[in-house]
Amino acid sequence: MQAPVVVTFRSMDRSPAVEQWIESSVEQLVQSFRAIERCSVVIEIPHRHQRQGQTFHVRIELTVPDRVITVSRDPGLDQAHEDVYVALADAFRAARRQLQDHAHIRRGDVKLHA
């Protein structure tokens, strides 16, 4: 089952290439974690009047049974997020880690504190 993907661009123009990259990344997540029901990605350029260069903020919400996993990647001080693909890759790596943690908890591999 293909999870529905909603991509929103804020303070920037829509990019079909970025949308295609996101859909490909979500497809890879779905291959590993079939329980993904929905994915929402928001990409925006925050307003920073005192800084040069545009940095990207990425927020990913993944809906899985019993939980909504949210990943938010703010631009770092090192200017790494001046490239939208770097910002997206960071966010999707974090999403994959959270999905792995969620899967371990559901299988009972991780003991939670009461």
N, C-alpha and C. Protein backbone atom coordinates (compact mmCIF):
# COMPACT_ATOMS: atom_id res chain seq x y z
N MET A 1 0.84 -1.18 0.00
CA MET A 1 0.00 0.00 0.00
C MET A 1 0.88 1.24 0.00
N GLN A 2 0.60 2.16 -0.89
CA GLN A 2 1.33 3.42 -0.95
C GLN A 2 0.71 4.40 0.02
N ALA A 3 1.51 4.93 0.92
CA ALA A 3 1.03 5.91 1.89
C ALA A 3 0.80 7.24 1.17
N PRO A 4 -0.33 7.91 1.46
CA PRO A 4 -0.55 9.22 0.86
C PRO A 4 0.50 10.22 1.36
N VAL A 5 1.05 11.01 0.45
CA VAL A 5 2.07 11.99 0.78
C VAL A 5 1.53 13.37 0.47
N VAL A 6 1.60 14.26 1.47
CA VAL A 6 1.18 15.65 1.28
C VAL A 6 2.42 16.51 1.48
N VAL A 7 2.78 17.27 0.44
CA VAL A 7 3.96 18.14 0.51
C VAL A 7 3.49 19.59 0.46
N THR A 8 3.95 20.39 1.42
CA THR A 8 3.58 21.80 1.50
C THR A 8 4.85 22.64 1.46
N PHE A 9 4.83 23.66 0.61
CA PHE A 9 5.94 24.61 0.53
C PHE A 9 5.47 25.93 1.13
N ARG A 10 6.25 26.48 2.04
CA ARG A 10 5.91 27.77 2.64
C ARG A 10 7.04 28.76 2.40
N SER A 11 6.68 29.97 2.02
CA SER A 11 7.63 31.05 1.76
C SER A 11 8.62 30.69 0.65
N MET A 12 8.20 29.83 -0.24
CA MET A 12 9.04 29.45 -1.38
C MET A 12 8.15 28.86 -2.47
N ASP A 13 8.70 28.79 -3.67
CA ASP A 13 7.97 28.25 -4.80
C ASP A 13 7.95 26.72 -4.74
N ARG A 14 6.89 26.15 -5.28
CA ARG A 14 6.76 24.70 -5.38
C ARG A 14 7.82 24.16 -6.34
N SER A 15 8.39 23.00 -6.01
CA SER A 15 9.42 22.39 -6.85
C SER A 15 9.05 20.94 -7.14
N PRO A 16 8.75 20.62 -8.40
CA PRO A 16 8.44 19.23 -8.75
C PRO A 16 9.60 18.28 -8.46
N ALA A 17 10.83 18.73 -8.63
CA ALA A 17 11.99 17.87 -8.36
C ALA A 17 12.07 17.52 -6.87
N VAL A 18 11.82 18.50 -6.01
CA VAL A 18 11.83 18.25 -4.57
C VAL A 18 10.68 17.32 -4.20
N GLU A 19 9.51 17.54 -4.78
CA GLU A 19 8.37 16.65 -4.50
C GLU A 19 8.68 15.21 -4.90
N GLN A 20 9.32 15.04 -6.05
CA GLN A 20 9.67 13.70 -6.50
C GLN A 20 10.69 13.06 -5.55
N TRP A 21 11.65 13.85 -5.07
CA TRP A 21 12.65 13.35 -4.12
C TRP A 21 11.96 12.89 -2.84
N ILE A 22 11.01 13.68 -2.36
CA ILE A 22 10.28 13.35 -1.14
C ILE A 22 9.48 12.07 -1.33
N GLU A 23 8.75 11.97 -2.44
CA GLU A 23 7.95 10.77 -2.70
C GLU A 23 8.83 9.52 -2.77
N SER A 24 10.01 9.64 -3.36
CA SER A 24 10.94 8.52 -3.42
C SER A 24 11.42 8.14 -2.02
N SER A 25 11.70 9.12 -1.18
CA SER A 25 12.15 8.86 0.19
C SER A 25 11.05 8.21 1.01
N VAL A 26 9.82 8.67 0.84
CA VAL A 26 8.69 8.07 1.56
C VAL A 26 8.49 6.64 1.10
N GLU A 27 8.64 6.40 -0.19
CA GLU A 27 8.50 5.05 -0.73
C GLU A 27 9.53 4.11 -0.09
N GLN A 28 10.76 4.59 0.12
CA GLN A 28 11.78 3.77 0.77
C GLN A 28 11.39 3.48 2.22
N LEU A 29 10.82 4.47 2.91
CA LEU A 29 10.36 4.24 4.28
C LEU A 29 9.24 3.20 4.32
N VAL A 30 8.31 3.29 3.37
CA VAL A 30 7.17 2.37 3.34
C VAL A 30 7.65 0.95 3.05
N GLN A 31 8.69 0.79 2.25
CA GLN A 31 9.22 -0.55 1.99
C GLN A 31 9.75 -1.19 3.26
N SER A 32 10.33 -0.38 4.14
CA SER A 32 10.86 -0.90 5.40
C SER A 32 9.81 -0.98 6.50
N PHE A 33 8.89 -0.02 6.51
CA PHE A 33 7.89 0.09 7.57
C PHE A 33 6.52 0.18 6.92
N ARG A 34 5.92 -0.95 6.65
CA ARG A 34 4.67 -1.01 5.89
C ARG A 34 3.48 -0.40 6.64
N ALA A 35 3.63 -0.15 7.92
CA ALA A 35 2.52 0.36 8.72
C ALA A 35 2.29 1.86 8.56
N ILE A 36 3.09 2.54 7.76
CA ILE A 36 2.90 3.98 7.56
C ILE A 36 1.57 4.20 6.85
N GLU A 37 0.71 5.00 7.46
CA GLU A 37 -0.61 5.27 6.89
C GLU A 37 -0.66 6.59 6.13
N ARG A 38 0.16 7.55 6.56
CA ARG A 38 0.12 8.88 5.95
C ARG A 38 1.43 9.59 6.22
N CYS A 39 1.82 10.48 5.31
CA CYS A 39 3.02 11.27 5.50
C CYS A 39 2.75 12.71 5.06
N SER A 40 3.14 13.64 5.90
CA SER A 40 3.00 15.06 5.59
C SER A 40 4.38 15.71 5.75
N VAL A 41 4.79 16.46 4.73
CA VAL A 41 6.10 17.12 4.75
C VAL A 41 5.88 18.61 4.49
N VAL A 42 6.44 19.44 5.37
CA VAL A 42 6.38 20.89 5.20
C VAL A 42 7.80 21.40 5.07
N ILE A 43 8.06 22.14 4.00
CA ILE A 43 9.36 22.76 3.78
C ILE A 43 9.15 24.26 3.76
N GLU A 44 9.95 24.97 4.54
CA GLU A 44 9.79 26.42 4.55
C GLU A 44 11.13 27.10 4.72
N ILE A 45 11.15 28.36 4.31
CA ILE A 45 12.30 29.21 4.54
C ILE A 45 11.90 30.18 5.63
N PRO A 46 12.46 30.02 6.84
CA PRO A 46 12.09 30.94 7.92
C PRO A 46 12.56 32.35 7.60
N HIS A 47 11.85 33.32 8.14
CA HIS A 47 12.22 34.72 7.94
C HIS A 47 13.33 35.06 8.93
N ARG A 48 14.48 35.35 8.40
CA ARG A 48 15.63 35.76 9.23
C ARG A 48 16.23 36.99 8.56
N HIS A 49 15.84 38.13 9.03
CA HIS A 49 16.24 39.37 8.39
C HIS A 49 17.71 39.71 8.60
N GLN A 50 18.33 39.21 9.64
CA GLN A 50 19.71 39.57 9.95
C GLN A 50 20.73 38.59 9.39
N ARG A 51 20.28 37.60 8.63
CA ARG A 51 21.21 36.59 8.12
C ARG A 51 21.26 36.61 6.61
N GLN A 52 22.39 36.21 6.09
CA GLN A 52 22.49 36.06 4.65
C GLN A 52 22.28 34.60 4.30
N GLY A 53 21.83 34.33 3.09
CA GLY A 53 21.59 32.97 2.66
C GLY A 53 20.25 32.46 3.16
N GLN A 54 19.69 31.55 2.41
CA GLN A 54 18.41 30.97 2.79
C GLN A 54 18.66 29.58 3.36
N THR A 55 18.08 29.35 4.52
CA THR A 55 18.15 28.02 5.11
C THR A 55 16.75 27.45 5.15
N PHE A 56 16.66 26.14 5.15
CA PHE A 56 15.37 25.46 5.06
C PHE A 56 15.02 24.78 6.37
N HIS A 57 13.76 24.88 6.74
CA HIS A 57 13.20 24.17 7.89
C HIS A 57 12.31 23.08 7.33
N VAL A 58 12.49 21.85 7.83
CA VAL A 58 11.71 20.71 7.34
C VAL A 58 10.99 20.07 8.52
N ARG A 59 9.71 19.78 8.32
CA ARG A 59 8.91 19.09 9.32
C ARG A 59 8.21 17.91 8.64
N ILE A 60 8.37 16.73 9.23
CA ILE A 60 7.76 15.51 8.69
C ILE A 60 6.85 14.93 9.76
N GLU A 61 5.63 14.59 9.37
CA GLU A 61 4.70 13.88 10.26
C GLU A 61 4.34 12.56 9.59
N LEU A 62 4.61 11.48 10.29
CA LEU A 62 4.27 10.14 9.81
C LEU A 62 3.20 9.56 10.72
N THR A 63 2.11 9.13 10.13
CA THR A 63 1.04 8.49 10.90
C THR A 63 1.21 6.99 10.78
N VAL A 64 1.38 6.35 11.94
CA VAL A 64 1.46 4.90 12.03
C VAL A 64 0.42 4.47 13.05
N PRO A 65 0.07 3.20 13.10
CA PRO A 65 -0.93 2.78 14.10
C PRO A 65 -0.50 3.18 15.52
N ASP A 66 -1.39 3.77 16.24
CA ASP A 66 -1.20 4.15 17.65
C ASP A 66 -0.27 5.34 17.87
N ARG A 67 0.18 6.01 16.81
CA ARG A 67 1.14 7.09 17.04
C ARG A 67 1.29 7.98 15.82
N VAL A 68 1.65 9.23 16.08
CA VAL A 68 2.07 10.15 15.03
C VAL A 68 3.51 10.52 15.34
N ILE A 69 4.41 10.21 14.42
CA ILE A 69 5.83 10.51 14.59
C ILE A 69 6.11 11.84 13.92
N THR A 70 6.68 12.75 14.67
CA THR A 70 6.97 14.09 14.16
C THR A 70 8.46 14.35 14.22
N VAL A 71 8.99 14.80 13.10
CA VAL A 71 10.41 15.16 13.00
C VAL A 71 10.47 16.60 12.52
N SER A 72 11.27 17.40 13.22
CA SER A 72 11.43 18.79 12.83
C SER A 72 12.91 19.10 12.77
N ARG A 73 13.37 19.58 11.64
CA ARG A 73 14.78 19.92 11.47
C ARG A 73 14.89 21.41 11.17
N ASP A 74 15.43 22.13 12.15
CA ASP A 74 15.66 23.56 11.99
C ASP A 74 17.03 23.78 11.36
N PRO A 75 17.18 24.92 10.70
CA PRO A 75 18.49 25.24 10.13
C PRO A 75 19.54 25.33 11.23
N GLY A 76 20.67 24.73 10.99
CA GLY A 76 21.73 24.79 11.98
C GLY A 76 22.62 26.00 11.79
N LEU A 77 23.46 26.23 12.75
CA LEU A 77 24.39 27.35 12.67
C LEU A 77 25.48 27.12 11.63
N ASP A 78 25.68 25.86 11.23
CA ASP A 78 26.75 25.54 10.29
C ASP A 78 26.36 25.77 8.83
N GLN A 79 25.17 26.26 8.59
CA GLN A 79 24.67 26.57 7.25
C GLN A 79 24.49 25.33 6.37
N ALA A 80 24.45 24.14 6.96
CA ALA A 80 24.28 22.92 6.18
C ALA A 80 22.92 22.87 5.51
N HIS A 81 21.92 23.53 6.09
CA HIS A 81 20.57 23.47 5.54
C HIS A 81 20.30 24.56 4.51
N GLU A 82 21.36 25.12 3.93
CA GLU A 82 21.16 26.04 2.81
C GLU A 82 20.80 25.26 1.55
N ASP A 83 21.04 23.97 1.55
CA ASP A 83 20.65 23.08 0.45
C ASP A 83 19.41 22.31 0.90
N VAL A 84 18.33 22.44 0.16
CA VAL A 84 17.07 21.81 0.55
C VAL A 84 17.20 20.29 0.64
N TYR A 85 18.02 19.70 -0.21
CA TYR A 85 18.17 18.25 -0.20
C TYR A 85 18.93 17.77 1.04
N VAL A 86 19.88 18.55 1.53
CA VAL A 86 20.58 18.22 2.77
C VAL A 86 19.61 18.28 3.95
N ALA A 87 18.79 19.33 3.99
CA ALA A 87 17.80 19.48 5.06
C ALA A 87 16.80 18.32 5.03
N LEU A 88 16.35 17.95 3.83
CA LEU A 88 15.41 16.83 3.70
C LEU A 88 16.06 15.51 4.11
N ALA A 89 17.29 15.29 3.67
CA ALA A 89 17.98 14.04 4.01
C ALA A 89 18.15 13.92 5.53
N ASP A 90 18.52 15.01 6.19
CA ASP A 90 18.64 14.99 7.65
C ASP A 90 17.31 14.62 8.30
N ALA A 91 16.24 15.23 7.83
CA ALA A 91 14.92 14.97 8.41
C ALA A 91 14.48 13.53 8.17
N PHE A 92 14.70 13.01 6.97
CA PHE A 92 14.28 11.63 6.69
C PHE A 92 15.14 10.60 7.43
N ARG A 93 16.43 10.92 7.68
CA ARG A 93 17.24 10.03 8.51
C ARG A 93 16.69 9.97 9.94
N ALA A 94 16.31 11.13 10.46
CA ALA A 94 15.73 11.18 11.80
C ALA A 94 14.40 10.44 11.84
N ALA A 95 13.59 10.57 10.79
CA ALA A 95 12.31 9.86 10.73
C ALA A 95 12.53 8.36 10.70
N ARG A 96 13.51 7.90 9.95
CA ARG A 96 13.81 6.47 9.89
C ARG A 96 14.22 5.95 11.27
N ARG A 97 15.05 6.72 11.99
CA ARG A 97 15.46 6.30 13.34
C ARG A 97 14.25 6.21 14.27
N GLN A 98 13.35 7.19 14.19
CA GLN A 98 12.17 7.16 15.06
C GLN A 98 11.26 6.00 14.70
N LEU A 99 11.14 5.70 13.41
CA LEU A 99 10.33 4.54 12.99
C LEU A 99 10.95 3.24 13.50
N GLN A 100 12.27 3.13 13.45
CA GLN A 100 12.94 1.94 13.96
C GLN A 100 12.70 1.79 15.46
N ASP A 101 12.81 2.90 16.19
CA ASP A 101 12.54 2.85 17.63
C ASP A 101 11.11 2.42 17.90
N HIS A 102 10.17 2.98 17.14
CA HIS A 102 8.76 2.62 17.31
C HIS A 102 8.54 1.14 17.03
N ALA A 103 9.18 0.61 16.00
CA ALA A 103 9.03 -0.80 15.65
C ALA A 103 9.61 -1.69 16.76
N HIS A 104 10.74 -1.29 17.34
CA HIS A 104 11.34 -2.07 18.44
C HIS A 104 10.41 -2.09 19.65
N ILE A 105 9.81 -0.97 19.96
CA ILE A 105 8.89 -0.89 21.10
C ILE A 105 7.67 -1.76 20.85
N ARG A 106 7.11 -1.70 19.65
CA ARG A 106 5.92 -2.51 19.34
C ARG A 106 6.20 -4.00 19.40
N ARG A 107 7.42 -4.39 19.01
CA ARG A 107 7.78 -5.81 19.05
C ARG A 107 8.13 -6.26 20.45
N GLY A 108 8.34 -5.32 21.36
CA GLY A 108 8.71 -5.67 22.72
C GLY A 108 10.20 -5.82 22.92
N ASP A 109 11.00 -5.36 21.96
CA ASP A 109 12.46 -5.45 22.06
C ASP A 109 13.01 -4.46 23.09
N VAL A 110 12.25 -3.42 23.40
CA VAL A 110 12.70 -2.38 24.31
C VAL A 110 11.77 -2.36 25.51
N LYS A 111 12.35 -2.37 26.70
CA LYS A 111 11.54 -2.29 27.90
C LYS A 111 11.37 -0.83 28.27
N LEU A 112 10.15 -0.42 28.50
CA LEU A 112 9.85 0.96 28.86
C LEU A 112 9.73 1.08 30.37
N HIS A 113 10.11 2.24 30.89
CA HIS A 113 9.96 2.49 32.31
C HIS A 113 8.49 2.72 32.63
N ALA A 114 8.04 2.16 33.73
CA ALA A 114 6.62 2.29 34.10
C ALA A 114 6.32 3.65 34.64
